[in-house]
Amino acid sequence: MEKIAVFLDAKDEIATFLEATKLKIFHKKEKMWIIYKKLDVDMKDVKGIRALRHGYLKLIDEFDDCKIVVVKKGYGIPYSVFYSKDFSIWELPGKAEGILDEVLNQEMKHEAEEELKFNENKNKIIKIKEGEYYLDLIKAQLENPELSSKKALLPFIETTAFDALKLRCCHVPPWLRSHSDKNNLSFDVKRVTDQDFEMILKKI
């Protein structure tokens, strides 16, 4: 949790993904921030969506357990790559050392809020029998319009031992396909109407 990756330019100022020449991953040890890892980054001359995506995915392999990224402004292919990998992306200007504590404090606050929401949403996921659960995501989102499918499902998937999760939703969440491929999950989809689907998500 207490690691933050910052994209920097040659002057050690926080940079955009594409402007960055280096990346420093900071780690908080006791009350001090130390440089955990330093990486060279230069994507300015990389051409094509596939090549850019591949470049940032290779970069992510070096992040270890760091899931927080700071850039001057996030957009385009790199933003979508980090977002799809469930990174928390912060947009801030200036020097890295001046913002690390604030970013970490806000992350911890956000984590606490998400934990509260998760506990509230957990009550909406019904246990049908041992290992089998059901969630009416359409109803849950009508009651809480700010609830995304990711917020509703991901904490449950990652923290609960289950065999099958039956889900009613208005569409198949795009992130769920890629997440399932990489996390030993499978799902079957049945279209009830144009905006009403039944899904069964299973652990392989």
N, C-alpha and C. Protein backbone atom coordinates (compact mmCIF):
# COMPACT_ATOMS: atom_id res chain seq x y z
N MET A 1 0.84 -1.22 0.00
CA MET A 1 0.00 0.00 0.00
C MET A 1 0.86 1.26 0.00
N GLU A 2 1.94 1.26 0.80
CA GLU A 2 2.70 2.49 0.97
C GLU A 2 3.81 2.63 -0.07
N LYS A 3 3.45 2.39 -1.33
CA LYS A 3 4.35 2.64 -2.45
C LYS A 3 3.62 3.52 -3.47
N ILE A 4 4.32 4.50 -4.00
CA ILE A 4 3.73 5.43 -4.97
C ILE A 4 4.71 5.61 -6.13
N ALA A 5 4.24 5.40 -7.35
CA ALA A 5 5.06 5.58 -8.54
C ALA A 5 4.79 6.95 -9.14
N VAL A 6 5.85 7.69 -9.43
CA VAL A 6 5.71 9.05 -9.96
C VAL A 6 6.44 9.16 -11.29
N PHE A 7 5.75 9.62 -12.33
CA PHE A 7 6.36 9.86 -13.63
C PHE A 7 7.00 11.25 -13.63
N LEU A 8 8.29 11.33 -14.00
CA LEU A 8 9.06 12.57 -13.89
C LEU A 8 9.75 12.92 -15.19
N ASP A 9 9.96 14.24 -15.40
CA ASP A 9 10.75 14.68 -16.55
C ASP A 9 12.22 14.83 -16.15
N ALA A 10 13.02 15.37 -17.04
CA ALA A 10 14.46 15.49 -16.79
C ALA A 10 14.78 16.42 -15.63
N LYS A 11 13.86 17.33 -15.31
CA LYS A 11 14.08 18.29 -14.21
C LYS A 11 13.49 17.78 -12.88
N ASP A 12 13.08 16.55 -12.86
CA ASP A 12 12.48 15.95 -11.67
C ASP A 12 11.12 16.55 -11.32
N GLU A 13 10.46 17.12 -12.33
CA GLU A 13 9.09 17.60 -12.15
C GLU A 13 8.12 16.50 -12.58
N ILE A 14 6.97 16.45 -11.91
CA ILE A 14 5.96 15.47 -12.28
C ILE A 14 5.53 15.72 -13.73
N ALA A 15 5.51 14.66 -14.53
CA ALA A 15 5.26 14.78 -15.97
C ALA A 15 4.05 13.93 -16.38
N THR A 16 3.58 14.14 -17.60
CA THR A 16 2.56 13.26 -18.15
C THR A 16 3.20 11.92 -18.48
N PHE A 17 2.38 10.93 -18.79
CA PHE A 17 2.93 9.62 -19.15
C PHE A 17 3.93 9.74 -20.31
N LEU A 18 3.55 10.46 -21.35
CA LEU A 18 4.37 10.51 -22.56
C LEU A 18 5.54 11.48 -22.46
N GLU A 19 5.45 12.47 -21.59
CA GLU A 19 6.55 13.42 -21.41
C GLU A 19 7.64 12.88 -20.49
N ALA A 20 7.31 11.89 -19.70
CA ALA A 20 8.24 11.40 -18.67
C ALA A 20 9.49 10.77 -19.29
N THR A 21 10.62 11.00 -18.62
CA THR A 21 11.88 10.35 -19.01
C THR A 21 12.30 9.30 -17.98
N LYS A 22 11.68 9.37 -16.81
CA LYS A 22 12.01 8.40 -15.75
C LYS A 22 10.81 8.23 -14.83
N LEU A 23 10.91 7.22 -14.03
CA LEU A 23 9.85 6.93 -13.08
C LEU A 23 10.51 6.51 -11.76
N LYS A 24 10.05 7.09 -10.68
CA LYS A 24 10.54 6.70 -9.37
C LYS A 24 9.40 6.10 -8.56
N ILE A 25 9.67 4.95 -7.97
CA ILE A 25 8.71 4.34 -7.07
C ILE A 25 9.19 4.61 -5.65
N PHE A 26 8.38 5.36 -4.91
CA PHE A 26 8.72 5.72 -3.53
C PHE A 26 8.05 4.76 -2.56
N HIS A 27 8.75 4.48 -1.48
CA HIS A 27 8.23 3.59 -0.44
C HIS A 27 8.36 4.29 0.91
N LYS A 28 7.28 4.28 1.68
CA LYS A 28 7.33 4.92 2.99
C LYS A 28 7.80 3.92 4.03
N LYS A 29 8.96 4.22 4.62
CA LYS A 29 9.54 3.37 5.65
C LYS A 29 9.56 4.17 6.93
N GLU A 30 8.75 3.70 7.90
CA GLU A 30 8.50 4.46 9.12
C GLU A 30 7.90 5.81 8.71
N LYS A 31 8.60 6.92 8.93
CA LYS A 31 8.02 8.23 8.56
C LYS A 31 8.74 8.87 7.37
N MET A 32 9.64 8.12 6.75
CA MET A 32 10.45 8.67 5.65
C MET A 32 10.09 8.01 4.33
N TRP A 33 10.10 8.83 3.27
CA TRP A 33 9.92 8.30 1.92
C TRP A 33 11.29 8.03 1.32
N ILE A 34 11.50 6.81 0.86
CA ILE A 34 12.76 6.46 0.21
C ILE A 34 12.47 5.99 -1.21
N ILE A 35 13.47 6.08 -2.09
CA ILE A 35 13.29 5.60 -3.46
C ILE A 35 13.44 4.08 -3.46
N TYR A 36 12.36 3.41 -3.73
CA TYR A 36 12.34 1.94 -3.76
C TYR A 36 12.92 1.43 -5.08
N LYS A 37 12.59 2.14 -6.16
CA LYS A 37 13.06 1.72 -7.48
C LYS A 37 13.04 2.91 -8.43
N LYS A 38 14.02 2.97 -9.33
CA LYS A 38 14.07 4.02 -10.34
C LYS A 38 14.17 3.37 -11.72
N LEU A 39 13.30 3.80 -12.63
CA LEU A 39 13.25 3.20 -13.97
C LEU A 39 13.34 4.28 -15.04
N ASP A 40 14.03 3.96 -16.12
CA ASP A 40 14.06 4.85 -17.27
C ASP A 40 12.78 4.66 -18.07
N VAL A 41 12.18 5.77 -18.47
CA VAL A 41 10.93 5.72 -19.24
C VAL A 41 11.05 6.68 -20.42
N ASP A 42 10.85 6.17 -21.61
CA ASP A 42 10.87 7.05 -22.77
C ASP A 42 9.97 6.44 -23.85
N MET A 43 8.73 6.91 -23.89
CA MET A 43 7.75 6.37 -24.84
C MET A 43 7.43 7.35 -25.96
N LYS A 44 8.17 8.47 -26.01
CA LYS A 44 7.82 9.52 -26.99
C LYS A 44 7.89 9.03 -28.44
N ASP A 45 8.85 8.16 -28.71
CA ASP A 45 9.05 7.72 -30.09
C ASP A 45 8.38 6.39 -30.41
N VAL A 46 7.64 5.87 -29.46
CA VAL A 46 6.93 4.60 -29.70
C VAL A 46 5.71 4.88 -30.57
N LYS A 47 5.59 4.18 -31.65
CA LYS A 47 4.50 4.41 -32.60
C LYS A 47 3.48 3.27 -32.56
N GLY A 48 2.23 3.62 -32.63
CA GLY A 48 1.17 2.62 -32.73
C GLY A 48 0.59 2.25 -31.38
N ILE A 49 -0.72 2.01 -31.39
CA ILE A 49 -1.44 1.69 -30.15
C ILE A 49 -0.92 0.41 -29.53
N ARG A 50 -0.71 -0.62 -30.35
CA ARG A 50 -0.26 -1.92 -29.81
C ARG A 50 1.11 -1.80 -29.17
N ALA A 51 2.02 -1.08 -29.83
CA ALA A 51 3.38 -0.93 -29.29
C ALA A 51 3.37 -0.14 -27.98
N LEU A 52 2.55 0.92 -27.93
CA LEU A 52 2.45 1.71 -26.70
C LEU A 52 1.89 0.86 -25.55
N ARG A 53 0.84 0.14 -25.85
CA ARG A 53 0.21 -0.70 -24.83
C ARG A 53 1.21 -1.73 -24.30
N HIS A 54 1.94 -2.35 -25.23
CA HIS A 54 2.93 -3.35 -24.84
C HIS A 54 4.03 -2.73 -23.97
N GLY A 55 4.46 -1.51 -24.34
CA GLY A 55 5.50 -0.82 -23.59
C GLY A 55 5.09 -0.54 -22.16
N TYR A 56 3.87 -0.08 -21.97
CA TYR A 56 3.41 0.23 -20.61
C TYR A 56 3.10 -1.03 -19.81
N LEU A 57 2.64 -2.07 -20.47
CA LEU A 57 2.42 -3.33 -19.76
C LEU A 57 3.75 -3.91 -19.27
N LYS A 58 4.81 -3.79 -20.08
CA LYS A 58 6.12 -4.25 -19.64
C LYS A 58 6.62 -3.41 -18.47
N LEU A 59 6.33 -2.12 -18.51
CA LEU A 59 6.72 -1.24 -17.42
C LEU A 59 6.02 -1.63 -16.12
N ILE A 60 4.74 -1.96 -16.21
CA ILE A 60 3.97 -2.35 -15.04
C ILE A 60 4.54 -3.60 -14.38
N ASP A 61 5.16 -4.46 -15.16
CA ASP A 61 5.79 -5.66 -14.60
C ASP A 61 6.85 -5.32 -13.56
N GLU A 62 7.39 -4.10 -13.63
CA GLU A 62 8.45 -3.67 -12.71
C GLU A 62 7.89 -3.02 -11.43
N PHE A 63 6.59 -2.91 -11.33
CA PHE A 63 5.99 -2.15 -10.23
C PHE A 63 5.86 -2.96 -8.94
N ASP A 64 6.05 -4.26 -9.01
CA ASP A 64 5.88 -5.13 -7.84
C ASP A 64 4.48 -4.91 -7.26
N ASP A 65 4.37 -4.54 -5.99
CA ASP A 65 3.03 -4.39 -5.38
C ASP A 65 2.56 -2.94 -5.34
N CYS A 66 3.21 -2.05 -6.06
CA CYS A 66 2.79 -0.65 -6.12
C CYS A 66 1.56 -0.51 -7.02
N LYS A 67 0.49 0.13 -6.52
CA LYS A 67 -0.74 0.29 -7.29
C LYS A 67 -1.21 1.74 -7.35
N ILE A 68 -0.32 2.68 -7.01
CA ILE A 68 -0.67 4.10 -7.05
C ILE A 68 0.28 4.81 -8.00
N VAL A 69 -0.27 5.60 -8.92
CA VAL A 69 0.54 6.30 -9.92
C VAL A 69 0.22 7.79 -9.87
N VAL A 70 1.27 8.62 -9.98
CA VAL A 70 1.09 10.07 -10.03
C VAL A 70 1.67 10.59 -11.35
N VAL A 71 0.85 11.35 -12.08
CA VAL A 71 1.28 12.01 -13.31
C VAL A 71 0.76 13.45 -13.30
N LYS A 72 1.34 14.27 -14.16
CA LYS A 72 0.87 15.66 -14.26
C LYS A 72 -0.54 15.69 -14.83
N LYS A 73 -0.76 14.87 -15.86
CA LYS A 73 -2.10 14.72 -16.45
C LYS A 73 -2.17 13.35 -17.10
N GLY A 74 -3.23 12.60 -16.82
CA GLY A 74 -3.37 11.27 -17.37
C GLY A 74 -4.39 11.22 -18.50
N TYR A 75 -4.01 10.60 -19.62
CA TYR A 75 -4.93 10.48 -20.76
C TYR A 75 -4.39 9.44 -21.73
N GLY A 76 -5.20 9.09 -22.70
CA GLY A 76 -4.76 8.23 -23.80
C GLY A 76 -4.49 6.78 -23.43
N ILE A 77 -3.67 6.14 -24.27
CA ILE A 77 -3.37 4.72 -24.13
C ILE A 77 -2.78 4.39 -22.76
N PRO A 78 -1.75 5.11 -22.29
CA PRO A 78 -1.19 4.75 -20.99
C PRO A 78 -2.20 4.82 -19.86
N TYR A 79 -3.08 5.83 -19.90
CA TYR A 79 -4.10 5.93 -18.86
C TYR A 79 -5.00 4.70 -18.88
N SER A 80 -5.42 4.28 -20.08
CA SER A 80 -6.33 3.13 -20.18
C SER A 80 -5.63 1.85 -19.72
N VAL A 81 -4.32 1.74 -19.99
CA VAL A 81 -3.57 0.55 -19.56
C VAL A 81 -3.52 0.48 -18.04
N PHE A 82 -3.15 1.59 -17.39
CA PHE A 82 -3.06 1.59 -15.93
C PHE A 82 -4.44 1.43 -15.29
N TYR A 83 -5.44 2.06 -15.88
CA TYR A 83 -6.80 1.94 -15.35
C TYR A 83 -7.29 0.49 -15.42
N SER A 84 -7.01 -0.17 -16.55
CA SER A 84 -7.45 -1.56 -16.72
C SER A 84 -6.76 -2.51 -15.75
N LYS A 85 -5.59 -2.08 -15.24
CA LYS A 85 -4.85 -2.89 -14.28
C LYS A 85 -5.16 -2.48 -12.83
N ASP A 86 -6.22 -1.71 -12.67
CA ASP A 86 -6.72 -1.32 -11.34
C ASP A 86 -5.76 -0.45 -10.55
N PHE A 87 -5.02 0.43 -11.26
CA PHE A 87 -4.19 1.40 -10.57
C PHE A 87 -5.02 2.61 -10.16
N SER A 88 -4.64 3.21 -9.06
CA SER A 88 -5.20 4.50 -8.67
C SER A 88 -4.31 5.57 -9.30
N ILE A 89 -4.90 6.43 -10.13
CA ILE A 89 -4.12 7.40 -10.89
C ILE A 89 -4.40 8.82 -10.39
N TRP A 90 -3.34 9.50 -9.96
CA TRP A 90 -3.45 10.86 -9.44
C TRP A 90 -2.85 11.85 -10.42
N GLU A 91 -3.51 13.00 -10.61
CA GLU A 91 -3.01 14.06 -11.49
C GLU A 91 -2.59 15.25 -10.63
N LEU A 92 -1.28 15.48 -10.54
CA LEU A 92 -0.76 16.56 -9.70
C LEU A 92 0.49 17.16 -10.35
N PRO A 93 0.69 18.46 -10.20
CA PRO A 93 1.92 19.09 -10.71
C PRO A 93 2.98 19.18 -9.61
N GLY A 94 4.18 19.62 -9.99
CA GLY A 94 5.20 19.94 -8.99
C GLY A 94 6.21 18.84 -8.77
N LYS A 95 6.83 18.85 -7.59
CA LYS A 95 7.84 17.89 -7.20
C LYS A 95 7.19 16.71 -6.47
N ALA A 96 7.74 15.54 -6.67
CA ALA A 96 7.16 14.34 -6.05
C ALA A 96 7.17 14.41 -4.53
N GLU A 97 8.31 14.85 -3.98
CA GLU A 97 8.47 14.80 -2.53
C GLU A 97 7.42 15.61 -1.77
N GLY A 98 6.85 16.62 -2.42
CA GLY A 98 5.90 17.48 -1.75
C GLY A 98 4.48 16.95 -1.69
N ILE A 99 4.20 15.88 -2.43
CA ILE A 99 2.81 15.43 -2.54
C ILE A 99 2.58 14.00 -2.04
N LEU A 100 3.64 13.29 -1.69
CA LEU A 100 3.51 11.87 -1.38
C LEU A 100 2.61 11.59 -0.17
N ASP A 101 2.83 12.36 0.92
CA ASP A 101 2.01 12.15 2.12
C ASP A 101 0.54 12.42 1.86
N GLU A 102 0.26 13.48 1.12
CA GLU A 102 -1.13 13.84 0.83
C GLU A 102 -1.81 12.76 -0.02
N VAL A 103 -1.08 12.26 -1.02
CA VAL A 103 -1.62 11.19 -1.87
C VAL A 103 -1.92 9.95 -1.02
N LEU A 104 -0.98 9.57 -0.17
CA LEU A 104 -1.18 8.39 0.66
C LEU A 104 -2.35 8.58 1.62
N ASN A 105 -2.46 9.77 2.23
CA ASN A 105 -3.57 10.04 3.16
C ASN A 105 -4.91 9.94 2.44
N GLN A 106 -4.98 10.51 1.24
CA GLN A 106 -6.22 10.47 0.48
C GLN A 106 -6.55 9.05 0.03
N GLU A 107 -5.51 8.28 -0.30
CA GLU A 107 -5.72 6.88 -0.67
C GLU A 107 -6.30 6.08 0.50
N MET A 108 -5.75 6.32 1.68
CA MET A 108 -6.24 5.60 2.86
C MET A 108 -7.67 5.99 3.18
N LYS A 109 -7.99 7.29 3.00
CA LYS A 109 -9.36 7.75 3.22
C LYS A 109 -10.30 7.11 2.20
N HIS A 110 -9.86 7.08 0.94
CA HIS A 110 -10.66 6.47 -0.12
C HIS A 110 -10.86 4.98 0.15
N GLU A 111 -9.81 4.31 0.61
CA GLU A 111 -9.89 2.88 0.91
C GLU A 111 -10.91 2.62 2.02
N ALA A 112 -10.91 3.49 3.02
CA ALA A 112 -11.87 3.35 4.12
C ALA A 112 -13.29 3.54 3.62
N GLU A 113 -13.49 4.52 2.72
CA GLU A 113 -14.81 4.77 2.15
C GLU A 113 -15.27 3.58 1.31
N GLU A 114 -14.32 3.02 0.53
CA GLU A 114 -14.65 1.86 -0.31
C GLU A 114 -15.00 0.65 0.55
N GLU A 115 -14.28 0.50 1.68
CA GLU A 115 -14.57 -0.60 2.59
C GLU A 115 -15.98 -0.47 3.16
N LEU A 116 -16.35 0.77 3.48
CA LEU A 116 -17.71 1.01 3.99
C LEU A 116 -18.75 0.69 2.93
N LYS A 117 -18.49 1.15 1.69
CA LYS A 117 -19.42 0.87 0.60
C LYS A 117 -19.50 -0.63 0.34
N PHE A 118 -18.32 -1.29 0.42
CA PHE A 118 -18.29 -2.73 0.19
C PHE A 118 -19.17 -3.46 1.21
N ASN A 119 -19.05 -3.05 2.48
CA ASN A 119 -19.85 -3.68 3.52
C ASN A 119 -21.33 -3.44 3.31
N GLU A 120 -21.66 -2.23 2.79
CA GLU A 120 -23.07 -1.94 2.48
C GLU A 120 -23.55 -2.79 1.30
N ASN A 121 -22.69 -2.89 0.27
CA ASN A 121 -23.06 -3.65 -0.93
C ASN A 121 -23.10 -5.15 -0.65
N LYS A 122 -22.27 -5.57 0.32
CA LYS A 122 -22.22 -6.98 0.65
C LYS A 122 -23.58 -7.50 1.07
N ASN A 123 -24.34 -6.61 1.72
CA ASN A 123 -25.67 -6.99 2.17
C ASN A 123 -26.62 -7.23 1.01
N LYS A 124 -26.28 -6.67 -0.17
CA LYS A 124 -27.13 -6.84 -1.34
C LYS A 124 -26.81 -8.15 -2.07
N ILE A 125 -25.65 -8.75 -1.79
CA ILE A 125 -25.29 -10.02 -2.40
C ILE A 125 -25.86 -11.14 -1.52
N ILE A 126 -26.81 -11.86 -2.07
CA ILE A 126 -27.56 -12.86 -1.31
C ILE A 126 -26.89 -14.23 -1.43
N LYS A 127 -26.73 -14.88 -0.31
CA LYS A 127 -26.20 -16.25 -0.31
C LYS A 127 -27.36 -17.20 -0.56
N ILE A 128 -27.32 -17.88 -1.71
CA ILE A 128 -28.40 -18.82 -2.06
C ILE A 128 -28.21 -20.13 -1.31
N LYS A 129 -27.02 -20.65 -1.38
CA LYS A 129 -26.63 -21.84 -0.61
C LYS A 129 -25.11 -21.82 -0.52
N GLU A 130 -24.53 -22.81 0.11
CA GLU A 130 -23.09 -22.82 0.32
C GLU A 130 -22.35 -22.70 -1.02
N GLY A 131 -21.56 -21.63 -1.14
CA GLY A 131 -20.75 -21.44 -2.34
C GLY A 131 -21.44 -20.71 -3.47
N GLU A 132 -22.76 -20.48 -3.38
CA GLU A 132 -23.51 -19.83 -4.46
C GLU A 132 -24.17 -18.55 -3.96
N TYR A 133 -24.01 -17.48 -4.77
CA TYR A 133 -24.50 -16.16 -4.39
C TYR A 133 -25.26 -15.52 -5.54
N TYR A 134 -26.06 -14.49 -5.21
CA TYR A 134 -26.84 -13.78 -6.23
C TYR A 134 -26.81 -12.28 -5.97
N LEU A 135 -26.66 -11.52 -7.04
CA LEU A 135 -26.73 -10.06 -6.95
C LEU A 135 -27.57 -9.51 -8.09
N ASP A 136 -28.56 -8.71 -7.74
CA ASP A 136 -29.33 -7.97 -8.74
C ASP A 136 -28.65 -6.60 -8.88
N LEU A 137 -27.71 -6.52 -9.81
CA LEU A 137 -26.93 -5.29 -9.98
C LEU A 137 -27.79 -4.15 -10.51
N ILE A 138 -28.78 -4.45 -11.32
CA ILE A 138 -29.67 -3.41 -11.84
C ILE A 138 -30.39 -2.71 -10.68
N LYS A 139 -30.93 -3.50 -9.77
CA LYS A 139 -31.63 -2.95 -8.61
C LYS A 139 -30.66 -2.18 -7.71
N ALA A 140 -29.47 -2.74 -7.49
CA ALA A 140 -28.48 -2.09 -6.62
C ALA A 140 -28.06 -0.74 -7.17
N GLN A 141 -27.90 -0.65 -8.50
CA GLN A 141 -27.48 0.62 -9.11
C GLN A 141 -28.61 1.63 -9.17
N LEU A 142 -29.85 1.17 -9.23
CA LEU A 142 -30.99 2.09 -9.15
C LEU A 142 -31.05 2.72 -7.76
N GLU A 143 -30.74 1.93 -6.74
CA GLU A 143 -30.75 2.44 -5.37
C GLU A 143 -29.54 3.32 -5.09
N ASN A 144 -28.42 3.05 -5.78
CA ASN A 144 -27.19 3.82 -5.59
C ASN A 144 -26.56 4.09 -6.95
N PRO A 145 -26.94 5.20 -7.62
CA PRO A 145 -26.46 5.50 -8.97
C PRO A 145 -24.93 5.62 -9.09
N GLU A 146 -24.24 5.89 -7.97
CA GLU A 146 -22.78 6.01 -8.01
C GLU A 146 -22.08 4.66 -7.97
N LEU A 147 -22.83 3.59 -7.78
CA LEU A 147 -22.25 2.26 -7.67
C LEU A 147 -21.91 1.71 -9.06
N SER A 148 -20.63 1.51 -9.32
CA SER A 148 -20.20 0.90 -10.59
C SER A 148 -20.17 -0.61 -10.43
N SER A 149 -20.18 -1.30 -11.55
CA SER A 149 -20.11 -2.77 -11.49
C SER A 149 -18.81 -3.22 -10.84
N LYS A 150 -17.75 -2.46 -11.07
CA LYS A 150 -16.45 -2.81 -10.50
C LYS A 150 -16.48 -2.70 -8.98
N LYS A 151 -17.06 -1.62 -8.48
CA LYS A 151 -17.16 -1.43 -7.02
C LYS A 151 -18.04 -2.48 -6.39
N ALA A 152 -19.07 -2.89 -7.11
CA ALA A 152 -20.01 -3.87 -6.55
C ALA A 152 -19.44 -5.28 -6.54
N LEU A 153 -18.67 -5.62 -7.58
CA LEU A 153 -18.26 -7.01 -7.77
C LEU A 153 -16.83 -7.33 -7.37
N LEU A 154 -15.89 -6.42 -7.69
CA LEU A 154 -14.48 -6.75 -7.52
C LEU A 154 -14.10 -7.10 -6.08
N PRO A 155 -14.51 -6.31 -5.08
CA PRO A 155 -14.16 -6.68 -3.70
C PRO A 155 -14.70 -8.06 -3.32
N PHE A 156 -15.92 -8.36 -3.76
CA PHE A 156 -16.52 -9.67 -3.46
C PHE A 156 -15.72 -10.78 -4.12
N ILE A 157 -15.39 -10.60 -5.40
CA ILE A 157 -14.66 -11.62 -6.14
C ILE A 157 -13.30 -11.89 -5.51
N GLU A 158 -12.65 -10.82 -5.05
CA GLU A 158 -11.28 -10.94 -4.55
C GLU A 158 -11.21 -11.39 -3.09
N THR A 159 -12.30 -11.26 -2.34
CA THR A 159 -12.22 -11.57 -0.90
C THR A 159 -13.13 -12.71 -0.46
N THR A 160 -13.97 -13.21 -1.35
CA THR A 160 -14.95 -14.22 -0.95
C THR A 160 -14.71 -15.55 -1.66
N ALA A 161 -14.72 -16.62 -0.90
CA ALA A 161 -14.63 -17.96 -1.49
C ALA A 161 -16.02 -18.33 -2.01
N PHE A 162 -16.15 -18.51 -3.31
CA PHE A 162 -17.44 -18.86 -3.87
C PHE A 162 -17.26 -19.80 -5.07
N ASP A 163 -18.31 -20.55 -5.35
CA ASP A 163 -18.31 -21.42 -6.52
C ASP A 163 -18.99 -20.74 -7.70
N ALA A 164 -20.07 -20.03 -7.40
CA ALA A 164 -20.82 -19.37 -8.48
C ALA A 164 -21.48 -18.10 -7.95
N LEU A 165 -21.44 -17.06 -8.77
CA LEU A 165 -22.14 -15.81 -8.47
C LEU A 165 -23.11 -15.54 -9.61
N LYS A 166 -24.41 -15.61 -9.31
CA LYS A 166 -25.42 -15.31 -10.31
C LYS A 166 -25.68 -13.81 -10.28
N LEU A 167 -25.72 -13.23 -11.46
CA LEU A 167 -25.78 -11.78 -11.56
C LEU A 167 -26.83 -11.35 -12.57
N ARG A 168 -27.66 -10.39 -12.17
CA ARG A 168 -28.57 -9.73 -13.11
C ARG A 168 -28.00 -8.35 -13.39
N CYS A 169 -27.80 -8.01 -14.67
CA CYS A 169 -27.17 -6.73 -15.03
C CYS A 169 -27.73 -6.24 -16.36
N CYS A 170 -27.47 -4.95 -16.67
CA CYS A 170 -28.00 -4.36 -17.91
C CYS A 170 -27.04 -4.53 -19.08
N HIS A 171 -25.79 -4.93 -18.80
CA HIS A 171 -24.82 -5.25 -19.84
C HIS A 171 -23.67 -6.02 -19.20
N VAL A 172 -22.86 -6.66 -20.04
CA VAL A 172 -21.69 -7.38 -19.52
C VAL A 172 -20.58 -6.37 -19.28
N PRO A 173 -20.11 -6.18 -18.05
CA PRO A 173 -19.05 -5.21 -17.78
C PRO A 173 -17.78 -5.55 -18.56
N PRO A 174 -17.25 -4.60 -19.37
CA PRO A 174 -16.05 -4.89 -20.18
C PRO A 174 -14.86 -5.33 -19.34
N TRP A 175 -14.66 -4.73 -18.18
CA TRP A 175 -13.51 -5.09 -17.34
C TRP A 175 -13.58 -6.53 -16.85
N LEU A 176 -14.81 -7.07 -16.77
CA LEU A 176 -14.99 -8.41 -16.23
C LEU A 176 -14.41 -9.48 -17.16
N ARG A 177 -14.47 -9.21 -18.46
CA ARG A 177 -13.92 -10.17 -19.42
C ARG A 177 -12.42 -10.35 -19.22
N SER A 178 -11.69 -9.24 -19.20
CA SER A 178 -10.23 -9.32 -19.04
C SER A 178 -9.86 -9.84 -17.65
N HIS A 179 -10.61 -9.42 -16.64
CA HIS A 179 -10.34 -9.88 -15.27
C HIS A 179 -10.56 -11.38 -15.16
N SER A 180 -11.59 -11.88 -15.80
CA SER A 180 -11.90 -13.31 -15.73
C SER A 180 -10.82 -14.13 -16.40
N ASP A 181 -10.33 -13.66 -17.55
CA ASP A 181 -9.30 -14.39 -18.30
C ASP A 181 -8.04 -14.59 -17.47
N LYS A 182 -7.73 -13.60 -16.62
CA LYS A 182 -6.46 -13.62 -15.89
C LYS A 182 -6.59 -14.14 -14.47
N ASN A 183 -7.79 -14.44 -14.01
CA ASN A 183 -7.98 -14.81 -12.61
C ASN A 183 -8.78 -16.09 -12.41
N ASN A 184 -8.65 -17.00 -13.37
CA ASN A 184 -9.29 -18.32 -13.25
C ASN A 184 -10.79 -18.22 -12.98
N LEU A 185 -11.43 -17.36 -13.76
CA LEU A 185 -12.88 -17.23 -13.66
C LEU A 185 -13.50 -17.48 -15.03
N SER A 186 -14.71 -17.96 -15.03
CA SER A 186 -15.45 -18.10 -16.29
C SER A 186 -16.86 -17.59 -16.07
N PHE A 187 -17.51 -17.18 -17.16
CA PHE A 187 -18.91 -16.79 -16.98
C PHE A 187 -19.74 -17.12 -18.21
N ASP A 188 -20.99 -17.45 -17.94
CA ASP A 188 -21.98 -17.69 -18.99
C ASP A 188 -22.96 -16.53 -18.98
N VAL A 189 -23.38 -16.11 -20.17
CA VAL A 189 -24.27 -14.96 -20.29
C VAL A 189 -25.54 -15.36 -21.05
N LYS A 190 -26.68 -14.94 -20.51
CA LYS A 190 -27.95 -15.16 -21.18
C LYS A 190 -28.67 -13.83 -21.30
N ARG A 191 -29.05 -13.45 -22.53
CA ARG A 191 -29.78 -12.20 -22.76
C ARG A 191 -31.27 -12.44 -22.50
N VAL A 192 -31.82 -11.67 -21.57
CA VAL A 192 -33.25 -11.76 -21.27
C VAL A 192 -34.02 -10.78 -22.15
N THR A 193 -33.58 -9.51 -22.12
CA THR A 193 -34.08 -8.46 -23.02
C THR A 193 -32.86 -7.66 -23.49
N ASP A 194 -33.10 -6.57 -24.25
CA ASP A 194 -31.98 -5.77 -24.74
C ASP A 194 -31.14 -5.18 -23.62
N GLN A 195 -31.74 -4.90 -22.47
CA GLN A 195 -31.00 -4.29 -21.36
C GLN A 195 -31.13 -5.10 -20.07
N ASP A 196 -31.27 -6.39 -20.23
CA ASP A 196 -31.40 -7.26 -19.06
C ASP A 196 -30.69 -8.58 -19.36
N PHE A 197 -29.60 -8.82 -18.63
CA PHE A 197 -28.80 -10.02 -18.83
C PHE A 197 -28.73 -10.82 -17.54
N GLU A 198 -28.62 -12.13 -17.70
CA GLU A 198 -28.34 -13.00 -16.57
C GLU A 198 -26.96 -13.62 -16.78
N MET A 199 -26.12 -13.50 -15.78
CA MET A 199 -24.76 -14.04 -15.85
C MET A 199 -24.52 -15.01 -14.70
N ILE A 200 -23.70 -16.00 -14.95
CA ILE A 200 -23.23 -16.88 -13.88
C ILE A 200 -21.71 -16.85 -13.93
N LEU A 201 -21.11 -16.30 -12.89
CA LEU A 201 -19.66 -16.20 -12.78
C LEU A 201 -19.17 -17.35 -11.90
N LYS A 202 -18.19 -18.12 -12.41
CA LYS A 202 -17.72 -19.30 -11.69
C LYS A 202 -16.22 -19.27 -11.50
N LYS A 203 -15.76 -19.85 -10.39
CA LYS A 203 -14.33 -20.06 -10.17
C LYS A 203 -13.94 -21.34 -10.91
N ILE A 204 -12.88 -21.28 -11.70
CA ILE A 204 -12.42 -22.46 -12.44
C ILE A 204 -11.55 -23.31 -11.52
